Amino acid sequence: MKYYIIAGEASGDLHGSNLMKAIYKEDTTATIRFWGGDLMQKVGGTLVKHYRDLAFMGFLEVVLNLKTILNNIKICKADIENFSPDVIVFIDYPGFNMRIATWAKERNIPTHYYISPQIWAWKENRIKAIKRDVDFMYVILPFEKDFYEKKHQFPVEFVGHPLIDAIHNRKGVDKEAFKTEHKLSDQPIIALLPGSRKQEIIKMLSGMLSIVKDFPDYQFVIAGAPSQDFSFYAPFLKRKNVHFISNKTYDLLSVSHAALVTSGTATLETALFKVPEVVCYKGSWVSYQIAKRIITLKYISLVNLIMDKEVVTELIQDEFNSKNLKIELNKIIVGQERGKMIENYTILEEKLGGVGASEKTAQLIVSSIRK
């Protein structure tokens, strides 16, 4: 059978790659075309477009790149028509994917959505389009099932969180060998996870690196995104005791003492590695002003949202400054705050369920086609 998968970001590439592995196990004759990244490409199938050409962050940025986005939608529709898949699988990335879902539904192509759009955070009116255009929805956060089924009477499957799979399936890292390979010292590591898009990396790294001089007994290591070249990061590596490691975020987290993390999936990944963190976010002024008027959530990090309390400190917009970063990082390096945060991480993992999200989702997708 023929599967068309659309993932538009780095996290979607990770989860898409694991889903593809599971689909190939369930359906040995599967043919897959996809929009994604390097991880999905390593699994097999045919890459149509890389997510580095798709990801635009914030309201203003989307407007400025609208022509490119609309052209990508046109390319995607034409490619789907030529491929004639048995099913389309959407992975998050709702601004793009919901447009394709509407178009696909009109052509009677089965639509499956893996990793729900975060309509519980904003644009809740998207539920109308989801009910109309999505045949099957697979959610990965425990509170999403109640949100869809109790509040909106739309049946969904809670499959567990795919990050549990991704972390569980990885090979362990020898800490000393890792440090030797990347020319790191014996000082404790503070990981810096500034995101994957150029505009957010520039904003976040400038702030994160402003406190390096205040922590001379630690080494700071920037987690480079696979979608960006080393030359892009080079200007940030001129400070003493700042290092760079590309495309090995999980290995880095597994040997880190603490982390400064840009809001997004990385906040949850950091928690699952039991690394105390400070969550950071700073967008363009226009995008932030719009966002704070339409997003009514108490928290921006997945850790706090899932736990429904403040487990990790969130420094947002003007609060993301050197003074606050220094204070909050000091709290989680040693002492009670650090221990309490790690305890909460264990509870968080229990809430997310066990391993097997990718396999469960693949089984549901394949069985739906075979009926």
Protein backbone atom coordinates (compact mmCIF):
# COMPACT_ATOMS: atom_id res chain seq x y z
CA MET A 1 0.00 0.00 0.00
CA LYS A 2 1.01 3.60 -0.57
CA TYR A 3 1.51 6.09 2.26
CA TYR A 4 2.02 9.85 1.97
CA ILE A 5 3.42 11.43 5.15
CA ILE A 6 3.81 15.17 5.82
CA ALA A 7 6.07 16.44 8.63
CA GLY A 8 7.19 20.07 8.59
CA GLU A 9 9.59 20.38 11.51
CA ALA A 10 12.56 18.68 13.21
CA SER A 11 10.37 17.01 15.84
CA GLY A 12 8.03 15.76 13.12
CA ASP A 13 11.01 14.28 11.29
CA LEU A 14 11.97 12.32 14.42
CA HIS A 15 8.48 10.99 15.06
CA GLY A 16 7.88 10.44 11.36
CA SER A 17 11.02 8.31 11.10
CA ASN A 18 9.89 6.04 13.93
CA LEU A 19 6.40 5.81 12.48
CA MET A 20 7.84 4.84 9.09
CA LYS A 21 9.91 2.06 10.68
CA ALA A 22 6.75 0.74 12.33
CA ILE A 23 4.73 0.97 9.10
CA TYR A 24 7.37 -1.00 7.20
CA LYS A 25 7.13 -3.72 9.87
CA GLU A 26 3.33 -3.83 9.65
CA ASP A 27 3.21 -3.60 5.86
CA THR A 28 6.25 -5.12 4.14
CA THR A 29 4.97 -3.93 0.75
CA ALA A 30 4.62 -0.28 1.87
CA THR A 31 5.64 2.50 -0.51
CA ILE A 32 6.16 5.85 1.21
CA ARG A 33 6.58 9.39 -0.09
CA PHE A 34 7.07 12.11 2.48
CA TRP A 35 7.83 15.68 3.43
CA GLY A 36 10.29 15.54 6.33
CA GLY A 37 13.99 15.45 6.99
CA ASP A 38 17.19 13.46 7.27
CA LEU A 39 15.90 10.96 9.84
CA MET A 40 12.92 9.98 7.71
CA GLN A 41 15.15 9.77 4.65
CA LYS A 42 17.42 7.28 6.42
CA VAL A 43 14.47 4.95 6.99
CA GLY A 44 13.60 4.76 3.30
CA GLY A 45 10.91 6.02 0.97
CA THR A 46 11.13 9.14 -1.17
CA LEU A 47 11.74 12.63 0.24
CA VAL A 48 9.71 15.26 -1.62
CA LYS A 49 10.72 18.37 0.36
CA HIS A 50 12.93 18.93 3.40
CA TYR A 51 11.43 20.63 6.46
CA ARG A 52 14.23 23.23 6.44
CA ASP A 53 12.41 24.77 3.45
CA LEU A 54 9.07 24.79 5.26
CA ALA A 55 9.54 25.99 8.84
CA PHE A 56 8.57 29.60 9.50
CA MET A 57 8.23 30.74 13.11
CA GLY A 58 5.71 33.33 14.36
CA PHE A 59 2.81 35.27 12.86
CA LEU A 60 4.90 37.98 11.17
CA GLU A 61 7.31 35.45 9.69
CA VAL A 62 4.46 33.45 8.16
CA VAL A 63 3.03 36.59 6.53
CA LEU A 64 6.43 37.54 5.10
CA ASN A 65 6.86 34.05 3.61
CA LEU A 66 3.28 33.54 2.48
CA LYS A 67 4.17 33.25 -1.20
CA THR A 68 6.61 30.40 -0.48
CA ILE A 69 4.09 28.64 1.77
CA LEU A 70 1.31 28.82 -0.84
CA ASN A 71 3.67 27.52 -3.51
CA ASN A 72 4.64 24.58 -1.28
CA ILE A 73 0.95 23.74 -0.81
CA LYS A 74 0.49 23.74 -4.58
CA ILE A 75 3.51 21.45 -5.04
CA CYS A 76 2.23 19.10 -2.34
CA LYS A 77 -1.23 18.74 -3.87
CA ALA A 78 0.20 17.99 -7.31
CA ASP A 79 2.61 15.42 -5.86
CA ILE A 80 -0.17 13.66 -3.95
CA GLU A 81 -2.29 13.47 -7.10
CA ASN A 82 0.58 11.94 -9.05
CA PHE A 83 1.35 9.43 -6.28
CA SER A 84 -2.30 8.50 -5.59
CA PRO A 85 -1.76 7.23 -2.01
CA ASP A 86 -4.01 4.89 -0.05
CA VAL A 87 -3.68 7.20 2.94
CA ILE A 88 -2.20 10.55 3.97
CA VAL A 89 -0.62 10.82 7.41
CA PHE A 90 -0.21 14.32 8.84
CA ILE A 91 2.29 14.93 11.64
CA ASP A 92 1.53 18.12 13.60
CA TYR A 93 2.39 21.23 11.43
CA PRO A 94 -1.29 22.31 11.28
CA GLY A 95 -1.11 25.53 9.24
CA PHE A 96 0.05 23.51 6.25
CA ASN A 97 -1.43 20.11 6.98
CA MET A 98 -5.00 21.21 7.63
CA ARG A 99 -5.10 22.87 4.21
CA ILE A 100 -4.00 19.63 2.59
CA ALA A 101 -6.48 17.66 4.72
CA THR A 102 -9.40 19.75 3.43
CA TRP A 103 -8.28 19.23 -0.15
CA ALA A 104 -7.67 15.48 0.40
CA LYS A 105 -11.05 14.93 2.02
CA GLU A 106 -12.78 16.41 -1.04
CA ARG A 107 -11.01 13.73 -3.10
CA ASN A 108 -11.91 10.89 -0.73
CA ILE A 109 -8.32 10.19 0.29
CA PRO A 110 -8.27 8.75 3.85
CA THR A 111 -6.75 11.26 6.29
CA HIS A 112 -4.92 10.28 9.48
CA TYR A 113 -3.47 12.84 11.90
CA TYR A 114 -0.61 11.71 14.16
CA ILE A 115 0.28 14.23 16.88
CA SER A 116 -2.67 16.56 17.14
CA PRO A 117 -2.45 20.27 16.38
CA GLN A 118 -2.37 22.08 19.73
CA ILE A 119 -5.86 23.50 19.35
CA TRP A 120 -6.25 23.33 23.14
CA ALA A 121 -3.69 26.17 23.20
CA TRP A 122 -5.06 28.38 20.44
CA LYS A 123 -7.25 28.28 17.35
CA GLU A 124 -9.72 25.97 19.08
CA ASN A 125 -12.16 26.71 16.25
CA ARG A 126 -10.00 24.39 14.14
CA ILE A 127 -12.02 21.58 15.70
CA LYS A 128 -14.67 22.18 13.01
CA ALA A 129 -12.18 21.51 10.24
CA ILE A 130 -10.71 18.54 12.10
CA LYS A 131 -14.14 16.94 12.53
CA ARG A 132 -14.86 17.53 8.85
CA ASP A 133 -11.52 16.63 7.27
CA VAL A 134 -9.70 14.18 9.57
CA ASP A 135 -10.81 10.55 9.58
CA PHE A 136 -8.55 9.36 12.41
CA MET A 137 -6.75 11.36 15.10
CA TYR A 138 -3.94 9.94 17.25
CA VAL A 139 -3.07 12.05 20.31
CA ILE A 140 0.11 11.85 22.38
CA LEU A 141 -0.68 13.93 25.46
CA PRO A 142 -2.94 12.46 28.16
CA PHE A 143 -5.17 15.51 28.54
CA GLU A 144 -5.88 15.67 24.80
CA LYS A 145 -8.20 12.66 24.85
CA ASP A 146 -10.59 14.37 27.29
CA PHE A 147 -10.29 17.62 25.37
CA TYR A 148 -11.43 16.02 22.12
CA GLU A 149 -13.91 13.46 23.40
CA LYS A 150 -15.53 15.20 26.37
CA LYS A 151 -15.41 18.79 25.20
CA HIS A 152 -15.86 18.31 21.45
CA GLN A 153 -17.38 14.83 21.06
CA PHE A 154 -14.71 13.77 18.59
CA PRO A 155 -13.28 10.26 19.11
CA VAL A 156 -9.48 9.98 19.20
CA GLU A 157 -6.86 7.38 20.12
CA PHE A 158 -4.34 8.13 22.88
CA VAL A 159 -1.25 6.21 21.72
CA GLY A 160 1.30 7.46 24.24
CA HIS A 161 4.17 9.84 23.55
CA PRO A 162 6.64 8.92 20.77
CA LEU A 163 9.50 10.59 22.63
CA ILE A 164 9.40 7.68 25.07
CA ASP A 165 10.12 5.40 22.10
CA ALA A 166 12.82 7.64 20.66
CA ILE A 167 14.69 7.81 23.96
CA HIS A 168 14.12 4.17 24.88
CA ASN A 169 15.42 2.90 21.52
CA ARG A 170 18.64 4.91 21.44
CA LYS A 171 22.05 3.51 22.32
CA GLY A 172 23.68 4.59 25.57
CA VAL A 173 26.61 7.01 25.62
CA ASP A 174 29.95 6.60 27.33
CA LYS A 175 30.33 9.96 29.07
CA GLU A 176 34.13 10.02 29.06
CA ALA A 177 34.37 8.90 25.43
CA PHE A 178 31.80 11.54 24.46
CA LYS A 179 33.81 14.29 26.16
CA THR A 180 37.03 13.11 24.53
CA GLU A 181 35.45 12.93 21.07
CA HIS A 182 34.13 16.48 21.30
CA LYS A 183 37.14 17.97 23.13
CA LEU A 184 35.18 18.77 26.27
CA SER A 185 36.72 19.23 29.71
CA ASP A 186 35.73 17.49 32.96
CA GLN A 187 33.61 20.47 34.03
CA PRO A 188 29.85 19.84 34.39
CA ILE A 189 27.96 20.56 31.16
CA ILE A 190 25.21 23.15 30.74
CA ALA A 191 23.41 22.27 27.50
CA LEU A 192 22.01 25.09 25.38
CA LEU A 193 19.08 24.09 23.16
CA PRO A 194 18.21 27.22 21.13
CA GLY A 195 15.79 25.64 18.65
CA SER A 196 16.09 24.63 15.01
CA ARG A 197 15.05 27.71 12.98
CA LYS A 198 17.57 30.43 12.19
CA GLN A 199 15.55 33.33 13.52
CA GLU A 200 14.85 31.68 16.88
CA ILE A 201 18.42 30.41 17.25
CA ILE A 202 19.80 33.93 16.81
CA LYS A 203 17.42 35.39 19.42
CA MET A 204 17.81 32.60 21.95
CA LEU A 205 21.56 32.00 21.78
CA SER A 206 22.37 35.68 22.25
CA GLY A 207 20.52 35.63 25.55
CA MET A 208 21.66 32.21 26.72
CA LEU A 209 25.32 32.98 26.14
CA SER A 210 25.12 36.25 28.07
CA ILE A 211 25.61 34.41 31.38
CA VAL A 212 28.57 32.20 30.46
CA LYS A 213 31.00 34.44 32.33
CA ASP A 214 28.95 34.03 35.52
CA PHE A 215 29.52 30.26 35.60
CA PRO A 216 33.28 29.72 35.20
CA ASP A 217 33.12 26.24 36.77
CA TYR A 218 30.83 24.92 34.01
CA GLN A 219 31.18 24.40 30.27
CA PHE A 220 28.37 25.42 27.95
CA VAL A 221 27.60 23.26 24.92
CA ILE A 222 25.33 24.41 22.09
CA ALA A 223 23.14 21.69 20.60
CA GLY A 224 23.30 22.32 16.85
CA ALA A 225 20.23 21.59 14.74
CA PRO A 226 20.77 19.17 11.84
CA SER A 227 19.09 21.65 9.51
CA GLN A 228 21.77 24.34 10.07
CA ASP A 229 25.39 24.41 8.94
CA PHE A 230 28.33 24.95 11.29
CA SER A 231 29.08 28.28 9.61
CA PHE A 232 25.78 29.62 10.96
CA TYR A 233 26.83 28.86 14.57
CA ALA A 234 30.45 29.98 14.22
CA PRO A 235 29.89 33.59 15.39
CA PHE A 236 28.50 32.28 18.69
CA LEU A 237 31.57 30.21 19.49
CA LYS A 238 34.01 33.02 20.23
CA ARG A 239 33.35 33.05 24.00
CA LYS A 240 35.62 31.08 26.31
CA ASN A 241 34.24 27.76 27.51
CA VAL A 242 31.52 27.55 24.85
CA HIS A 243 31.44 24.43 22.67
CA PHE A 244 29.31 23.17 19.81
CA ILE A 245 27.98 19.72 18.95
CA SER A 246 25.74 19.21 15.93
CA ASN A 247 22.88 16.75 15.57
CA LYS A 248 23.58 14.87 18.82
CA THR A 249 21.11 16.50 21.19
CA TYR A 250 20.11 13.27 22.93
CA ASP A 251 23.73 12.28 23.51
CA LEU A 252 24.42 15.75 24.87
CA LEU A 253 21.42 15.68 27.21
CA SER A 254 22.44 12.26 28.52
CA VAL A 255 25.70 13.74 29.86
CA SER A 256 24.45 17.20 30.88
CA HIS A 257 24.07 18.62 34.39
CA ALA A 258 21.48 21.27 33.49
CA ALA A 259 20.05 22.99 30.41
CA LEU A 260 18.64 26.21 29.00
CA VAL A 261 15.94 25.24 26.54
CA THR A 262 13.86 27.10 23.99
CA SER A 263 10.16 26.39 24.45
CA GLY A 264 8.92 23.50 22.34
CA THR A 265 9.33 19.74 22.16
CA ALA A 266 12.88 20.09 23.52
CA THR A 267 11.51 21.03 26.96
CA LEU A 268 9.88 17.60 27.21
CA GLU A 269 12.92 15.79 25.77
CA THR A 270 15.13 17.45 28.39
CA ALA A 271 12.75 16.38 31.16
CA LEU A 272 12.68 12.77 29.97
CA PHE A 273 16.49 12.72 30.23
CA LYS A 274 16.04 13.95 33.83
CA VAL A 275 18.05 17.12 33.17
CA PRO A 276 16.98 20.17 35.25
CA GLU A 277 16.12 23.02 32.89
CA VAL A 278 15.10 26.63 32.51
CA VAL A 279 12.61 27.17 29.67
CA CYS A 280 13.18 30.24 27.52
CA TYR A 281 11.26 31.99 24.77
CA LYS A 282 11.58 35.27 22.92
CA GLY A 283 9.85 36.01 19.63
CA SER A 284 9.50 39.11 17.52
CA TRP A 285 7.59 41.92 19.26
CA VAL A 286 4.72 41.72 16.78
CA SER A 287 4.38 37.95 17.00
CA TYR A 288 4.48 38.04 20.79
CA GLN A 289 1.84 40.77 21.06
CA ILE A 290 -0.49 38.76 18.86
CA ALA A 291 0.22 35.48 20.64
CA LYS A 292 -0.41 36.72 24.16
CA ARG A 293 -3.83 38.00 23.10
CA ILE A 294 -5.05 34.72 21.67
CA ILE A 295 -3.25 32.08 23.76
CA THR A 296 -4.81 31.67 27.19
CA LEU A 297 -2.71 28.80 28.59
CA LYS A 298 -1.11 29.15 32.02
CA TYR A 299 2.17 27.73 30.71
CA ILE A 300 4.12 27.47 27.45
CA SER A 301 6.26 24.39 28.19
CA LEU A 302 4.92 20.88 27.67
CA VAL A 303 6.37 19.86 31.03
CA ASN A 304 4.22 22.31 32.96
CA LEU A 305 1.16 21.76 30.76
CA ILE A 306 1.19 18.00 31.27
CA MET A 307 1.82 18.30 35.00
CA ASP A 308 -0.66 21.18 35.31
CA LYS A 309 1.70 23.05 37.63
CA GLU A 310 4.99 24.93 37.44
CA VAL A 311 7.68 22.27 37.47
CA VAL A 312 10.17 24.24 35.36
CA THR A 313 10.64 28.01 35.33
CA GLU A 314 9.55 29.76 32.12
CA LEU A 315 11.31 32.96 31.11
CA ILE A 316 9.20 34.54 28.40
CA GLN A 317 9.95 37.63 26.28
CA ASP A 318 11.19 40.46 28.57
CA GLU A 319 11.66 38.02 31.47
CA PHE A 320 14.24 36.24 29.32
CA ASN A 321 17.24 38.33 30.36
CA SER A 322 20.68 37.81 31.87
CA LYS A 323 19.64 38.60 35.43
CA ASN A 324 16.78 36.10 35.50
CA LEU A 325 18.75 33.43 33.65
CA LYS A 326 21.55 33.64 36.18
CA ILE A 327 19.15 33.38 39.14
CA GLU A 328 17.17 30.45 37.73
CA LEU A 329 20.19 28.48 36.54
CA ASN A 330 21.79 28.80 39.97
CA LYS A 331 18.65 27.29 41.52
CA ILE A 332 18.81 24.09 39.47
CA ILE A 333 22.57 23.48 39.55
CA VAL A 334 22.51 22.40 43.21
CA GLY A 335 20.06 22.17 46.09
CA GLN A 336 16.43 21.35 46.76
CA GLU A 337 15.02 22.90 43.58
CA ARG A 338 17.15 20.54 41.51
CA GLY A 339 16.05 17.42 43.39
CA LYS A 340 12.40 18.42 43.39
CA MET A 341 12.44 19.00 39.63
CA ILE A 342 13.92 15.56 38.94
CA GLU A 343 11.27 13.93 41.16
CA ASN A 344 8.55 15.67 39.16
CA TYR A 345 10.13 14.43 35.93
CA THR A 346 9.55 10.84 37.07
CA ILE A 347 5.86 11.54 37.65
CA LEU A 348 5.69 13.25 34.24
CA GLU A 349 7.05 10.16 32.48
CA GLU A 350 4.44 7.96 34.17
CA LYS A 351 1.67 10.24 32.91
CA LEU A 352 2.90 9.87 29.32
CA GLY A 353 2.49 6.09 29.29
CA GLY A 354 4.99 3.47 28.24
CA VAL A 355 6.79 2.66 25.02
CA GLY A 356 5.04 1.75 21.78
CA ALA A 357 3.41 4.92 20.44
CA SER A 358 4.86 4.46 16.95
CA GLU A 359 3.88 0.79 16.78
CA LYS A 360 0.34 1.43 18.05
CA THR A 361 -0.20 4.21 15.52
CA ALA A 362 1.22 2.19 12.62
CA GLN A 363 -1.02 -0.76 13.49
CA LEU A 364 -4.10 1.47 13.56
CA ILE A 365 -3.22 3.13 10.24
CA VAL A 366 -2.45 -0.11 8.40
CA SER A 367 -5.48 -1.96 9.78
CA SER A 368 -7.80 0.90 8.77
CA ILE A 369 -6.65 0.60 5.15
CA ARG A 370 -6.98 -3.19 5.09
CA LYS A 371 -10.60 -3.13 6.24
